[in-house]
All heavy atoms as atom14 arrays in JSON, in Angstrom:
{
  "sequence": "LSAGARGSRQDHVASILRRLTGAEAALVVNNNAAAVMLALAALA",
  "atom14_mask": [
    [1, 1, 1, 1, 1, 1, 1, 1, 0, 0, 0, 0, 0, 0],
    [1, 1, 1, 1, 1, 1, 0, 0, 0, 0, 0, 0, 0, 0],
    [1, 1, 1, 1, 1, 0, 0, 0, 0, 0, 0, 0, 0, 0],
    [1, 1, 1, 1, 0, 0, 0, 0, 0, 0, 0, 0, 0, 0],
    [1, 1, 1, 1, 1, 0, 0, 0, 0, 0, 0, 0, 0, 0],
    [1, 1, 1, 1, 1, 1, 1, 1, 1, 1, 1, 0, 0, 0],
    [1, 1, 1, 1, 0, 0, 0, 0, 0, 0, 0, 0, 0, 0],
    [1, 1, 1, 1, 1, 1, 0, 0, 0, 0, 0, 0, 0, 0],
    [1, 1, 1, 1, 1, 1, 1, 1, 1, 1, 1, 0, 0, 0],
    [1, 1, 1, 1, 1, 1, 1, 1, 1, 0, 0, 0, 0, 0],
    [1, 1, 1, 1, 1, 1, 1, 1, 0, 0, 0, 0, 0, 0],
    [1, 1, 1, 1, 1, 1, 1, 1, 1, 1, 0, 0, 0, 0],
    [1, 1, 1, 1, 1, 1, 1, 0, 0, 0, 0, 0, 0, 0],
    [1, 1, 1, 1, 1, 0, 0, 0, 0, 0, 0, 0, 0, 0],
    [1, 1, 1, 1, 1, 1, 0, 0, 0, 0, 0, 0, 0, 0],
    [1, 1, 1, 1, 1, 1, 1, 1, 0, 0, 0, 0, 0, 0],
    [1, 1, 1, 1, 1, 1, 1, 1, 0, 0, 0, 0, 0, 0],
    [1, 1, 1, 1, 1, 1, 1, 1, 1, 1, 1, 0, 0, 0],
    [1, 1, 1, 1, 1, 1, 1, 1, 1, 1, 1, 0, 0, 0],
    [1, 1, 1, 1, 1, 1, 1, 1, 0, 0, 0, 0, 0, 0],
    [1, 1, 1, 1, 1, 1, 1, 0, 0, 0, 0, 0, 0, 0],
    [1, 1, 1, 1, 0, 0, 0, 0, 0, 0, 0, 0, 0, 0],
    [1, 1, 1, 1, 1, 0, 0, 0, 0, 0, 0, 0, 0, 0],
    [1, 1, 1, 1, 1, 1, 1, 1, 1, 0, 0, 0, 0, 0],
    [1, 1, 1, 1, 1, 0, 0, 0, 0, 0, 0, 0, 0, 0],
    [1, 1, 1, 1, 1, 0, 0, 0, 0, 0, 0, 0, 0, 0],
    [1, 1, 1, 1, 1, 1, 1, 1, 0, 0, 0, 0, 0, 0],
    [1, 1, 1, 1, 1, 1, 1, 0, 0, 0, 0, 0, 0, 0],
    [1, 1, 1, 1, 1, 1, 1, 0, 0, 0, 0, 0, 0, 0],
    [1, 1, 1, 1, 1, 1, 1, 1, 0, 0, 0, 0, 0, 0],
    [1, 1, 1, 1, 1, 1, 1, 1, 0, 0, 0, 0, 0, 0],
    [1, 1, 1, 1, 1, 1, 1, 1, 0, 0, 0, 0, 0, 0],
    [1, 1, 1, 1, 1, 0, 0, 0, 0, 0, 0, 0, 0, 0],
    [1, 1, 1, 1, 1, 0, 0, 0, 0, 0, 0, 0, 0, 0],
    [1, 1, 1, 1, 1, 0, 0, 0, 0, 0, 0, 0, 0, 0],
    [1, 1, 1, 1, 1, 1, 1, 0, 0, 0, 0, 0, 0, 0],
    [1, 1, 1, 1, 1, 1, 1, 1, 0, 0, 0, 0, 0, 0],
    [1, 1, 1, 1, 1, 1, 1, 1, 0, 0, 0, 0, 0, 0],
    [1, 1, 1, 1, 1, 0, 0, 0, 0, 0, 0, 0, 0, 0],
    [1, 1, 1, 1, 1, 1, 1, 1, 0, 0, 0, 0, 0, 0],
    [1, 1, 1, 1, 1, 0, 0, 0, 0, 0, 0, 0, 0, 0],
    [1, 1, 1, 1, 1, 0, 0, 0, 0, 0, 0, 0, 0, 0],
    [1, 1, 1, 1, 1, 1, 1, 1, 0, 0, 0, 0, 0, 0],
    [1, 1, 1, 1, 1, 0, 0, 0, 0, 0, 0, 0, 0, 0]
  ],
  "atom14_positions": [
    [[260.53, 50.35, 65.07], [260.2, 49.23, 64.19], [261.25, 48.12, 64.23], [260.92, 46.94, 64.12], [260.02, 49.74, 62.76], [258.81, 50.66, 62.53], [258.88, 51.3, 61.16], [257.51, 49.89, 62.7], [0.0, 0.0, 0.0], [0.0, 0.0, 0.0], [0.0, 0.0, 0.0], [0.0, 0.0, 0.0], [0.0, 0.0, 0.0], [0.0, 0.0, 0.0]],
    [[262.51, 48.48, 64.38], [263.56, 47.46, 64.39], [263.54, 46.65, 65.68], [263.78, 45.44, 65.66], [264.93, 48.1, 64.2], [265.19, 49.03, 65.24], [0.0, 0.0, 0.0], [0.0, 0.0, 0.0], [0.0, 0.0, 0.0], [0.0, 0.0, 0.0], [0.0, 0.0, 0.0], [0.0, 0.0, 0.0], [0.0, 0.0, 0.0], [0.0, 0.0, 0.0]],
    [[263.23, 47.29, 66.79], [263.22, 46.6, 68.08], [261.85, 46.02, 68.43], [261.73, 45.18, 69.32], [263.66, 47.55, 69.19], [0.0, 0.0, 0.0], [0.0, 0.0, 0.0], [0.0, 0.0, 0.0], [0.0, 0.0, 0.0], [0.0, 0.0, 0.0], [0.0, 0.0, 0.0], [0.0, 0.0, 0.0], [0.0, 0.0, 0.0], [0.0, 0.0, 0.0]],
    [[260.81, 46.49, 67.73], [259.47, 46.04, 68.06], [259.03, 46.49, 69.44], [258.29, 45.77, 70.13], [0.0, 0.0, 0.0], [0.0, 0.0, 0.0], [0.0, 0.0, 0.0], [0.0, 0.0, 0.0], [0.0, 0.0, 0.0], [0.0, 0.0, 0.0], [0.0, 0.0, 0.0], [0.0, 0.0, 0.0], [0.0, 0.0, 0.0], [0.0, 0.0, 0.0]],
    [[259.47, 47.67, 69.84], [259.17, 48.18, 71.18], [258.95, 49.69, 71.12], [259.12, 50.31, 70.06], [260.32, 47.86, 72.14], [0.0, 0.0, 0.0], [0.0, 0.0, 0.0], [0.0, 0.0, 0.0], [0.0, 0.0, 0.0], [0.0, 0.0, 0.0], [0.0, 0.0, 0.0], [0.0, 0.0, 0.0], [0.0, 0.0, 0.0], [0.0, 0.0, 0.0]],
    [[258.57, 50.25, 72.25], [258.32, 51.7, 72.33], [259.57, 52.48, 71.93], [260.69, 52.12, 72.31], [257.89, 52.08, 73.74], [257.52, 53.55, 73.89], [257.14, 53.89, 75.33], [256.8, 55.29, 75.47], [255.59, 55.79, 75.3], [254.59, 54.99, 74.99], [255.35, 57.07, 75.44], [0.0, 0.0, 0.0], [0.0, 0.0, 0.0], [0.0, 0.0, 0.0]],
    [[259.37, 53.53, 71.17], [260.46, 54.4, 70.77], [260.19, 55.83, 71.19], [259.25, 56.11, 71.94], [0.0, 0.0, 0.0], [0.0, 0.0, 0.0], [0.0, 0.0, 0.0], [0.0, 0.0, 0.0], [0.0, 0.0, 0.0], [0.0, 0.0, 0.0], [0.0, 0.0, 0.0], [0.0, 0.0, 0.0], [0.0, 0.0, 0.0], [0.0, 0.0, 0.0]],
    [[260.99, 56.77, 70.7], [260.84, 58.19, 71.02], [260.49, 58.98, 69.78], [261.11, 58.79, 68.72], [262.13, 58.75, 71.62], [262.07, 60.16, 71.72], [0.0, 0.0, 0.0], [0.0, 0.0, 0.0], [0.0, 0.0, 0.0], [0.0, 0.0, 0.0], [0.0, 0.0, 0.0], [0.0, 0.0, 0.0], [0.0, 0.0, 0.0], [0.0, 0.0, 0.0]],
    [[259.54, 59.88, 69.9], [259.16, 60.73, 68.77], [260.31, 61.66, 68.37], [260.36, 62.14, 67.24], [257.9, 61.53, 69.09], [258.06, 62.59, 70.17], [256.77, 63.35, 70.39], [255.69, 62.47, 70.79], [254.4, 62.75, 70.62], [254.05, 63.91, 70.07], [253.47, 61.91, 71.0], [0.0, 0.0, 0.0], [0.0, 0.0, 0.0], [0.0, 0.0, 0.0]],
    [[261.22, 61.92, 69.28], [262.33, 62.81, 68.98], [263.32, 62.19, 68.0], [264.05, 62.91, 67.32], [263.05, 63.19, 70.28], [262.2, 63.96, 71.28], [261.79, 65.33, 70.79], [262.39, 65.88, 69.86], [260.78, 65.91, 71.42], [0.0, 0.0, 0.0], [0.0, 0.0, 0.0], [0.0, 0.0, 0.0], [0.0, 0.0, 0.0], [0.0, 0.0, 0.0]],
    [[263.33, 60.87, 67.91], [264.31, 60.2, 67.05], [264.13, 60.52, 65.57], [265.08, 60.42, 64.79], [264.23, 58.68, 67.24], [264.71, 58.25, 68.62], [265.38, 59.05, 69.29], [264.39, 57.12, 69.03], [0.0, 0.0, 0.0], [0.0, 0.0, 0.0], [0.0, 0.0, 0.0], [0.0, 0.0, 0.0], [0.0, 0.0, 0.0], [0.0, 0.0, 0.0]],
    [[262.92, 60.91, 65.16], [262.63, 61.06, 63.74], [263.33, 62.27, 63.11], [263.56, 62.28, 61.9], [261.12, 61.15, 63.52], [260.39, 59.95, 64.03], [260.56, 58.7, 63.48], [259.52, 59.79, 65.06], [259.8, 57.83, 64.14], [259.16, 58.47, 65.09], [0.0, 0.0, 0.0], [0.0, 0.0, 0.0], [0.0, 0.0, 0.0], [0.0, 0.0, 0.0]],
    [[263.66, 63.27, 63.92], [264.34, 64.45, 63.37], [265.7, 64.69, 64.01], [266.45, 65.55, 63.56], [263.47, 65.72, 63.51], [262.24, 65.64, 62.63], [263.07, 65.95, 64.96], [0.0, 0.0, 0.0], [0.0, 0.0, 0.0], [0.0, 0.0, 0.0], [0.0, 0.0, 0.0], [0.0, 0.0, 0.0], [0.0, 0.0, 0.0], [0.0, 0.0, 0.0]],
    [[266.01, 63.95, 65.06], [267.27, 64.19, 65.78], [268.48, 63.97, 64.89], [269.43, 64.76, 64.88], [267.34, 63.3, 67.02], [0.0, 0.0, 0.0], [0.0, 0.0, 0.0], [0.0, 0.0, 0.0], [0.0, 0.0, 0.0], [0.0, 0.0, 0.0], [0.0, 0.0, 0.0], [0.0, 0.0, 0.0], [0.0, 0.0, 0.0], [0.0, 0.0, 0.0]],
    [[268.46, 62.9, 64.1], [269.62, 62.57, 63.28], [269.91, 63.65, 62.25], [271.06, 64.09, 62.09], [269.39, 61.22, 62.58], [270.46, 60.92, 61.7], [0.0, 0.0, 0.0], [0.0, 0.0, 0.0], [0.0, 0.0, 0.0], [0.0, 0.0, 0.0], [0.0, 0.0, 0.0], [0.0, 0.0, 0.0], [0.0, 0.0, 0.0], [0.0, 0.0, 0.0]],
    [[268.88, 64.11, 61.55], [269.11, 65.12, 60.51], [269.49, 66.46, 61.13], [270.29, 67.22, 60.57], [267.89, 65.24, 59.57], [268.25, 66.05, 58.33], [266.69, 65.86, 60.29], [267.19, 65.99, 57.26], [0.0, 0.0, 0.0], [0.0, 0.0, 0.0], [0.0, 0.0, 0.0], [0.0, 0.0, 0.0], [0.0, 0.0, 0.0], [0.0, 0.0, 0.0]],
    [[268.95, 66.78, 62.3], [269.33, 68.02, 62.98], [270.8, 67.96, 63.42], [271.52, 68.96, 63.34], [268.42, 68.28, 64.18], [267.05, 68.86, 63.84], [266.13, 68.82, 65.06], [267.18, 70.3, 63.33], [0.0, 0.0, 0.0], [0.0, 0.0, 0.0], [0.0, 0.0, 0.0], [0.0, 0.0, 0.0], [0.0, 0.0, 0.0], [0.0, 0.0, 0.0]],
    [[271.22, 66.8, 63.89], [272.64, 66.66, 64.27], [273.53, 66.87, 63.05], [274.57, 67.55, 63.12], [272.9, 65.27, 64.87], [272.26, 65.05, 66.23], [272.88, 63.85, 66.94], [272.76, 62.63, 66.15], [271.75, 61.77, 66.25], [270.76, 62.01, 67.11], [271.72, 60.67, 65.51], [0.0, 0.0, 0.0], [0.0, 0.0, 0.0], [0.0, 0.0, 0.0]],
    [[273.12, 66.32, 61.94], [273.92, 66.45, 60.72], [273.97, 67.88, 60.23], [275.03, 68.36, 59.79], [273.33, 65.54, 59.64], [274.11, 65.54, 58.34], [273.58, 64.48, 57.39], [274.26, 64.5, 56.11], [274.0, 63.67, 55.12], [273.08, 62.73, 55.27], [274.66, 63.76, 53.98], [0.0, 0.0, 0.0], [0.0, 0.0, 0.0], [0.0, 0.0, 0.0]],
    [[272.87, 68.59, 60.29], [272.82, 69.96, 59.77], [273.48, 70.98, 60.69], [273.92, 72.04, 60.22], [271.36, 70.37, 59.52], [270.65, 69.66, 58.36], [269.16, 69.99, 58.37], [271.27, 70.06, 57.02], [0.0, 0.0, 0.0], [0.0, 0.0, 0.0], [0.0, 0.0, 0.0], [0.0, 0.0, 0.0], [0.0, 0.0, 0.0], [0.0, 0.0, 0.0]],
    [[273.54, 70.69, 61.99], [274.06, 71.68, 62.95], [275.37, 71.28, 63.6], [276.02, 72.12, 64.22], [273.04, 71.94, 64.07], [272.87, 70.73, 64.85], [271.7, 72.37, 63.51], [0.0, 0.0, 0.0], [0.0, 0.0, 0.0], [0.0, 0.0, 0.0], [0.0, 0.0, 0.0], [0.0, 0.0, 0.0], [0.0, 0.0, 0.0], [0.0, 0.0, 0.0]],
    [[275.75, 70.01, 63.48], [276.95, 69.56, 64.16], [276.76, 69.29, 65.63], [277.73, 69.1, 66.36], [0.0, 0.0, 0.0], [0.0, 0.0, 0.0], [0.0, 0.0, 0.0], [0.0, 0.0, 0.0], [0.0, 0.0, 0.0], [0.0, 0.0, 0.0], [0.0, 0.0, 0.0], [0.0, 0.0, 0.0], [0.0, 0.0, 0.0], [0.0, 0.0, 0.0]],
    [[275.51, 69.25, 66.09], [275.23, 69.04, 67.52], [275.34, 67.57, 67.89], [275.24, 66.68, 67.05], [273.81, 69.54, 67.83], [0.0, 0.0, 0.0], [0.0, 0.0, 0.0], [0.0, 0.0, 0.0], [0.0, 0.0, 0.0], [0.0, 0.0, 0.0], [0.0, 0.0, 0.0], [0.0, 0.0, 0.0], [0.0, 0.0, 0.0], [0.0, 0.0, 0.0]],
    [[275.52, 67.33, 69.19], [275.53, 65.95, 69.69], [274.11, 65.38, 69.78], [273.91, 64.18, 69.62], [276.16, 65.9, 71.09], [277.64, 66.24, 71.13], [278.18, 66.21, 72.55], [277.4, 65.86, 73.48], [279.37, 66.52, 72.73], [0.0, 0.0, 0.0], [0.0, 0.0, 0.0], [0.0, 0.0, 0.0], [0.0, 0.0, 0.0], [0.0, 0.0, 0.0]],
    [[273.15, 66.25, 70.06], [271.77, 65.78, 70.25], [270.81, 66.9, 69.92], [271.19, 68.07, 69.8], [271.56, 65.32, 71.7], [0.0, 0.0, 0.0], [0.0, 0.0, 0.0], [0.0, 0.0, 0.0], [0.0, 0.0, 0.0], [0.0, 0.0, 0.0], [0.0, 0.0, 0.0], [0.0, 0.0, 0.0], [0.0, 0.0, 0.0], [0.0, 0.0, 0.0]],
    [[269.54, 66.54, 69.74], [268.51, 67.53, 69.38], [267.17, 67.13, 69.97], [266.91, 65.95, 70.23], [268.4, 67.65, 67.86], [0.0, 0.0, 0.0], [0.0, 0.0, 0.0], [0.0, 0.0, 0.0], [0.0, 0.0, 0.0], [0.0, 0.0, 0.0], [0.0, 0.0, 0.0], [0.0, 0.0, 0.0], [0.0, 0.0, 0.0], [0.0, 0.0, 0.0]],
    [[266.33, 68.13, 70.14], [264.98, 67.93, 70.69], [264.06, 68.97, 70.08], [264.48, 70.12, 69.86], [265.02, 68.04, 72.22], [263.73, 67.85, 73.01], [264.02, 67.08, 74.3], [263.11, 69.2, 73.36], [0.0, 0.0, 0.0], [0.0, 0.0, 0.0], [0.0, 0.0, 0.0], [0.0, 0.0, 0.0], [0.0, 0.0, 0.0], [0.0, 0.0, 0.0]],
    [[262.79, 68.59, 69.83], [261.83, 69.51, 69.2], [260.61, 69.67, 70.1], [260.05, 68.68, 70.58], [261.39, 68.99, 67.82], [260.33, 69.9, 67.21], [262.59, 68.87, 66.88], [0.0, 0.0, 0.0], [0.0, 0.0, 0.0], [0.0, 0.0, 0.0], [0.0, 0.0, 0.0], [0.0, 0.0, 0.0], [0.0, 0.0, 0.0], [0.0, 0.0, 0.0]],
    [[260.21, 70.93, 70.32], [258.98, 71.24, 71.06], [258.11, 72.13, 70.17], [258.39, 72.3, 68.99], [259.28, 71.9, 72.42], [259.92, 70.9, 73.37], [260.18, 73.12, 72.24], [0.0, 0.0, 0.0], [0.0, 0.0, 0.0], [0.0, 0.0, 0.0], [0.0, 0.0, 0.0], [0.0, 0.0, 0.0], [0.0, 0.0, 0.0], [0.0, 0.0, 0.0]],
    [[257.04, 72.71, 70.75], [256.04, 73.32, 69.86], [256.36, 74.74, 69.39], [255.78, 75.2, 68.42], [254.65, 73.27, 70.49], [254.59, 73.94, 71.84], [255.47, 74.74, 72.19], [253.59, 73.62, 72.63], [0.0, 0.0, 0.0], [0.0, 0.0, 0.0], [0.0, 0.0, 0.0], [0.0, 0.0, 0.0], [0.0, 0.0, 0.0], [0.0, 0.0, 0.0]],
    [[257.25, 75.47, 70.04], [257.74, 76.74, 69.49], [259.0, 77.15, 70.23], [259.4, 76.52, 71.22], [256.67, 77.85, 69.53], [256.21, 78.2, 70.93], [256.97, 78.11, 71.89], [254.96, 78.6, 71.06], [0.0, 0.0, 0.0], [0.0, 0.0, 0.0], [0.0, 0.0, 0.0], [0.0, 0.0, 0.0], [0.0, 0.0, 0.0], [0.0, 0.0, 0.0]],
    [[259.65, 78.23, 69.77], [260.95, 78.57, 70.33], [260.84, 79.12, 71.75], [261.74, 78.91, 72.57], [261.66, 79.58, 69.44], [263.1, 79.78, 69.86], [263.83, 78.79, 70.03], [263.52, 81.01, 70.04], [0.0, 0.0, 0.0], [0.0, 0.0, 0.0], [0.0, 0.0, 0.0], [0.0, 0.0, 0.0], [0.0, 0.0, 0.0], [0.0, 0.0, 0.0]],
    [[259.75, 79.83, 72.07], [259.57, 80.3, 73.44], [259.5, 79.1, 74.39], [260.06, 79.13, 75.5], [258.31, 81.14, 73.56], [0.0, 0.0, 0.0], [0.0, 0.0, 0.0], [0.0, 0.0, 0.0], [0.0, 0.0, 0.0], [0.0, 0.0, 0.0], [0.0, 0.0, 0.0], [0.0, 0.0, 0.0], [0.0, 0.0, 0.0], [0.0, 0.0, 0.0]],
    [[258.84, 78.03, 73.94], [258.76, 76.81, 74.74], [260.13, 76.17, 74.88], [260.48, 75.63, 75.94], [257.78, 75.83, 74.11], [0.0, 0.0, 0.0], [0.0, 0.0, 0.0], [0.0, 0.0, 0.0], [0.0, 0.0, 0.0], [0.0, 0.0, 0.0], [0.0, 0.0, 0.0], [0.0, 0.0, 0.0], [0.0, 0.0, 0.0], [0.0, 0.0, 0.0]],
    [[260.93, 76.22, 73.82], [262.27, 75.64, 73.88], [263.13, 76.35, 74.92], [263.82, 75.71, 75.72], [262.93, 75.74, 72.5], [0.0, 0.0, 0.0], [0.0, 0.0, 0.0], [0.0, 0.0, 0.0], [0.0, 0.0, 0.0], [0.0, 0.0, 0.0], [0.0, 0.0, 0.0], [0.0, 0.0, 0.0], [0.0, 0.0, 0.0], [0.0, 0.0, 0.0]],
    [[263.07, 77.69, 74.91], [263.85, 78.45, 75.89], [263.34, 78.19, 77.3], [264.13, 77.99, 78.24], [263.79, 79.96, 75.55], [264.49, 80.78, 76.63], [264.41, 80.22, 74.19], [0.0, 0.0, 0.0], [0.0, 0.0, 0.0], [0.0, 0.0, 0.0], [0.0, 0.0, 0.0], [0.0, 0.0, 0.0], [0.0, 0.0, 0.0], [0.0, 0.0, 0.0]],
    [[262.02, 78.19, 77.47], [261.45, 77.96, 78.79], [261.83, 76.58, 79.32], [262.18, 76.42, 80.49], [259.93, 78.12, 78.75], [259.28, 77.99, 80.14], [257.54, 78.49, 80.14], [256.83, 77.17, 79.15], [0.0, 0.0, 0.0], [0.0, 0.0, 0.0], [0.0, 0.0, 0.0], [0.0, 0.0, 0.0], [0.0, 0.0, 0.0], [0.0, 0.0, 0.0]],
    [[261.77, 75.56, 78.46], [262.13, 74.21, 78.88], [263.6, 74.13, 79.27], [263.96, 73.5, 80.27], [261.82, 73.23, 77.75], [262.2, 71.77, 78.0], [261.47, 71.21, 79.21], [261.92, 70.92, 76.76], [0.0, 0.0, 0.0], [0.0, 0.0, 0.0], [0.0, 0.0, 0.0], [0.0, 0.0, 0.0], [0.0, 0.0, 0.0], [0.0, 0.0, 0.0]],
    [[264.46, 74.78, 78.48], [265.89, 74.76, 78.78], [266.17, 75.38, 80.15], [266.94, 74.83, 80.95], [266.67, 75.5, 77.7], [0.0, 0.0, 0.0], [0.0, 0.0, 0.0], [0.0, 0.0, 0.0], [0.0, 0.0, 0.0], [0.0, 0.0, 0.0], [0.0, 0.0, 0.0], [0.0, 0.0, 0.0], [0.0, 0.0, 0.0], [0.0, 0.0, 0.0]],
    [[265.52, 76.49, 80.44], [265.75, 77.17, 81.71], [265.12, 76.4, 82.87], [265.68, 76.33, 83.96], [265.21, 78.59, 81.65], [265.88, 79.49, 80.59], [265.26, 80.87, 80.59], [267.38, 79.58, 80.84], [0.0, 0.0, 0.0], [0.0, 0.0, 0.0], [0.0, 0.0, 0.0], [0.0, 0.0, 0.0], [0.0, 0.0, 0.0], [0.0, 0.0, 0.0]],
    [[263.95, 75.81, 82.63], [263.3, 75.02, 83.68], [264.14, 73.8, 84.03], [264.28, 73.44, 85.21], [261.9, 74.58, 83.23], [0.0, 0.0, 0.0], [0.0, 0.0, 0.0], [0.0, 0.0, 0.0], [0.0, 0.0, 0.0], [0.0, 0.0, 0.0], [0.0, 0.0, 0.0], [0.0, 0.0, 0.0], [0.0, 0.0, 0.0], [0.0, 0.0, 0.0]],
    [[264.71, 73.15, 83.02], [265.49, 71.93, 83.27], [266.85, 72.22, 83.86], [267.39, 71.4, 84.62], [265.65, 71.16, 81.96], [0.0, 0.0, 0.0], [0.0, 0.0, 0.0], [0.0, 0.0, 0.0], [0.0, 0.0, 0.0], [0.0, 0.0, 0.0], [0.0, 0.0, 0.0], [0.0, 0.0, 0.0], [0.0, 0.0, 0.0], [0.0, 0.0, 0.0]],
    [[267.42, 73.38, 83.54], [268.8, 73.65, 83.95], [268.93, 74.67, 85.07], [269.99, 74.73, 85.72], [269.61, 74.15, 82.74], [269.63, 73.26, 81.5], [270.49, 73.91, 80.41], [270.13, 71.87, 81.83], [0.0, 0.0, 0.0], [0.0, 0.0, 0.0], [0.0, 0.0, 0.0], [0.0, 0.0, 0.0], [0.0, 0.0, 0.0], [0.0, 0.0, 0.0]],
    [[267.87, 75.47, 85.31], [268.06, 76.59, 86.24], [266.87, 76.85, 87.16], [266.8, 77.92, 87.76], [268.38, 77.86, 85.45], [0.0, 0.0, 0.0], [0.0, 0.0, 0.0], [0.0, 0.0, 0.0], [0.0, 0.0, 0.0], [0.0, 0.0, 0.0], [0.0, 0.0, 0.0], [0.0, 0.0, 0.0], [0.0, 0.0, 0.0], [0.0, 0.0, 0.0]]
  ]
}
């Protein structure tokens, strides 16, 4: 809304997750099995 341009759906919860966990960044998917699978697919 501030830039009047396309944004990311991840931004809506990333800030509060960083605050609650102390993490540098955060991402949300549809369940935890998907989170683990995505992490391994992207990194390994």
